[in-house]
Amino acid sequence: MLSWLRIEAVPFGGDLHFHYVVAGKLVRFAVTHGCLIDVFGSDGGKQGDMEVFQLNVHEILHVAVRKAQCEARGLVVLTKAGFTCHPSPRST
């Protein structure tokens, strides 16, 4: 596990956007605000979104890369549906 990994994410339209290289190509991703709240337990604020993004960056990247490999091009949007195996912190 790469605990030192830090991805620069930028808030845009309520979601967090970031770039990551997949199969030698730079891909743009967006993690929806709802996903950050429902899946990762963000308090809904910008700072809370950024914190849960960085705390869960490995899991987010795992899903992001898998989804990018299935989509042709453009913005890859990560929603809570992509994290169905992840238990919601609000339900535990």
C-alpha atoms as a PDB file:
ATOM      1  CA  MET A   1       0.000   0.000   0.000  1.00  0.00           C
ATOM      2  CA  LEU A   2       1.335   3.426  -0.952  1.00  0.00           C
ATOM      3  CA  SER A   3       0.441   5.394   2.151  1.00  0.00           C
ATOM      4  CA  TRP A   4       2.385   8.425   0.893  1.00  0.00           C
ATOM      5  CA  LEU A   5       0.300   8.746  -2.274  1.00  0.00           C
ATOM      6  CA  ARG A   6      -1.389  12.122  -2.586  1.00  0.00           C
ATOM      7  CA  ILE A   7      -3.512  13.073  -5.585  1.00  0.00           C
ATOM      8  CA  GLU A   8      -4.317  16.708  -6.280  1.00  0.00           C
ATOM      9  CA  ALA A   9      -8.108  17.041  -6.407  1.00  0.00           C
ATOM     10  CA  VAL A  10      -9.953  20.224  -7.326  1.00  0.00           C
ATOM     11  CA  PRO A  11     -13.553  21.037  -6.344  1.00  0.00           C
ATOM     12  CA  PHE A  12     -15.672  21.761  -9.408  1.00  0.00           C
ATOM     13  CA  GLY A  13     -19.456  21.887  -9.554  1.00  0.00           C
ATOM     14  CA  GLY A  14     -19.748  20.259  -6.127  1.00  0.00           C
ATOM     15  CA  ASP A  15     -17.643  17.228  -7.105  1.00  0.00           C
ATOM     16  CA  LEU A  16     -13.908  16.595  -6.804  1.00  0.00           C
ATOM     17  CA  HIS A  17     -11.986  16.372 -10.071  1.00  0.00           C
ATOM     18  CA  PHE A  18      -8.522  14.882 -10.528  1.00  0.00           C
ATOM     19  CA  HIS A  19      -6.233  13.532 -13.233  1.00  0.00           C
ATOM     20  CA  TYR A  20      -4.460  10.177 -13.176  1.00  0.00           C
ATOM     21  CA  VAL A  21      -2.460   8.224 -15.748  1.00  0.00           C
ATOM     22  CA  VAL A  22      -4.118   4.976 -16.876  1.00  0.00           C
ATOM     23  CA  ALA A  23      -2.412   2.771 -19.484  1.00  0.00           C
ATOM     24  CA  GLY A  24      -0.094   5.622 -20.448  1.00  0.00           C
ATOM     25  CA  LYS A  25      -2.897   8.158 -20.957  1.00  0.00           C
ATOM     26  CA  LEU A  26      -3.883  11.050 -18.715  1.00  0.00           C
ATOM     27  CA  VAL A  27      -7.517  10.567 -17.704  1.00  0.00           C
ATOM     28  CA  ARG A  28      -9.799  13.103 -15.987  1.00  0.00           C
ATOM     29  CA  PHE A  29     -11.985  11.802 -13.177  1.00  0.00           C
ATOM     30  CA  ALA A  30     -14.757  13.251 -11.014  1.00  0.00           C
ATOM     31  CA  VAL A  31     -15.854  11.786  -7.689  1.00  0.00           C
ATOM     32  CA  THR A  32     -19.401  12.933  -7.023  1.00  0.00           C
ATOM     33  CA  HIS A  33     -20.248  14.845  -3.884  1.00  0.00           C
ATOM     34  CA  GLY A  34     -22.909  12.238  -3.068  1.00  0.00           C
ATOM     35  CA  CYS A  35     -20.340   9.460  -3.309  1.00  0.00           C
ATOM     36  CA  LEU A  36     -17.992  11.256  -0.930  1.00  0.00           C
ATOM     37  CA  ILE A  37     -20.840  11.660   1.577  1.00  0.00           C
ATOM     38  CA  ASP A  38     -22.633   8.311   1.236  1.00  0.00           C
ATOM     39  CA  VAL A  39     -19.654   6.022   0.722  1.00  0.00           C
ATOM     40  CA  PHE A  40     -16.789   7.684   2.537  1.00  0.00           C
ATOM     41  CA  GLY A  41     -18.598   9.657   5.247  1.00  0.00           C
ATOM     42  CA  SER A  42     -17.770  13.247   4.281  1.00  0.00           C
ATOM     43  CA  ASP A  43     -19.555  15.868   6.349  1.00  0.00           C
ATOM     44  CA  GLY A  44     -20.573  17.533   3.072  1.00  0.00           C
ATOM     45  CA  GLY A  45     -18.195  20.497   3.313  1.00  0.00           C
ATOM     46  CA  LYS A  46     -15.335  21.144   0.895  1.00  0.00           C
ATOM     47  CA  GLN A  47     -12.740  20.380   3.564  1.00  0.00           C
ATOM     48  CA  GLY A  48     -14.561  17.185   4.556  1.00  0.00           C
ATOM     49  CA  ASP A  49     -14.707  16.080   0.924  1.00  0.00           C
ATOM     50  CA  MET A  50     -10.974  16.701   0.491  1.00  0.00           C
ATOM     51  CA  GLU A  51     -10.138  14.834   3.695  1.00  0.00           C
ATOM     52  CA  VAL A  52     -12.140  11.707   2.868  1.00  0.00           C
ATOM     53  CA  PHE A  53     -10.775  11.783  -0.682  1.00  0.00           C
ATOM     54  CA  GLN A  54      -7.179  11.700   0.577  1.00  0.00           C
ATOM     55  CA  LEU A  55      -7.945   9.125   3.278  1.00  0.00           C
ATOM     56  CA  ASN A  56      -9.530   6.801   0.704  1.00  0.00           C
ATOM     57  CA  VAL A  57      -7.416   7.649  -2.339  1.00  0.00           C
ATOM     58  CA  HIS A  58      -6.256   4.026  -2.827  1.00  0.00           C
ATOM     59  CA  GLU A  59      -9.781   2.662  -3.012  1.00  0.00           C
ATOM     60  CA  ILE A  60     -10.904   5.556  -5.199  1.00  0.00           C
ATOM     61  CA  LEU A  61      -8.018   4.949  -7.608  1.00  0.00           C
ATOM     62  CA  HIS A  62      -8.755   1.222  -7.722  1.00  0.00           C
ATOM     63  CA  VAL A  63     -12.320   1.891  -8.861  1.00  0.00           C
ATOM     64  CA  ALA A  64     -11.249   4.805 -11.082  1.00  0.00           C
ATOM     65  CA  VAL A  65      -8.703   2.754 -13.034  1.00  0.00           C
ATOM     66  CA  ARG A  66     -11.115  -0.146 -13.469  1.00  0.00           C
ATOM     67  CA  LYS A  67     -13.830   2.212 -14.749  1.00  0.00           C
ATOM     68  CA  ALA A  68     -11.428   4.094 -17.054  1.00  0.00           C
ATOM     69  CA  GLN A  69     -10.406   0.822 -18.686  1.00  0.00           C
ATOM     70  CA  CYS A  70     -14.064   0.201 -19.601  1.00  0.00           C
ATOM     71  CA  GLU A  71     -14.872   3.690 -20.918  1.00  0.00           C
ATOM     72  CA  ALA A  72     -13.685   5.006 -24.253  1.00  0.00           C
ATOM     73  CA  ARG A  73     -12.761   8.605 -23.387  1.00  0.00           C
ATOM     74  CA  GLY A  74     -13.801  11.813 -21.721  1.00  0.00           C
ATOM     75  CA  LEU A  75     -14.584  12.515 -18.114  1.00  0.00           C
ATOM     76  CA  VAL A  76     -14.903   9.371 -15.980  1.00  0.00           C
ATOM     77  CA  VAL A  77     -17.463   9.964 -13.228  1.00  0.00           C
ATOM     78  CA  LEU A  78     -17.260   7.916 -10.036  1.00  0.00           C
ATOM     79  CA  THR A  79     -20.555   7.552  -8.186  1.00  0.00           C
ATOM     80  CA  LYS A  80     -21.533   5.555  -5.133  1.00  0.00           C
ATOM     81  CA  ALA A  81     -22.726   2.745  -7.424  1.00  0.00           C
ATOM     82  CA  GLY A  82     -19.091   2.010  -8.270  1.00  0.00           C
ATOM     83  CA  PHE A  83     -18.326   1.328  -4.614  1.00  0.00           C
ATOM     84  CA  THR A  84     -21.111  -1.169  -3.869  1.00  0.00           C
ATOM     85  CA  CYS A  85     -18.788  -3.430  -1.857  1.00  0.00           C
ATOM     86  CA  HIS A  86     -17.729  -0.563   0.382  1.00  0.00           C
ATOM     87  CA  PRO A  87     -19.778  -0.374   3.597  1.00  0.00           C
ATOM     88  CA  SER A  88     -21.212   3.040   4.275  1.00  0.00           C
ATOM     89  CA  PRO A  89     -19.820   4.534   7.513  1.00  0.00           C
ATOM     90  CA  ARG A  90     -23.339   5.744   8.318  1.00  0.00           C
ATOM     91  CA  SER A  91     -24.750   2.225   8.282  1.00  0.00           C
ATOM     92  CA  THR A  92     -22.219   0.741  10.729  1.00  0.00           C
END
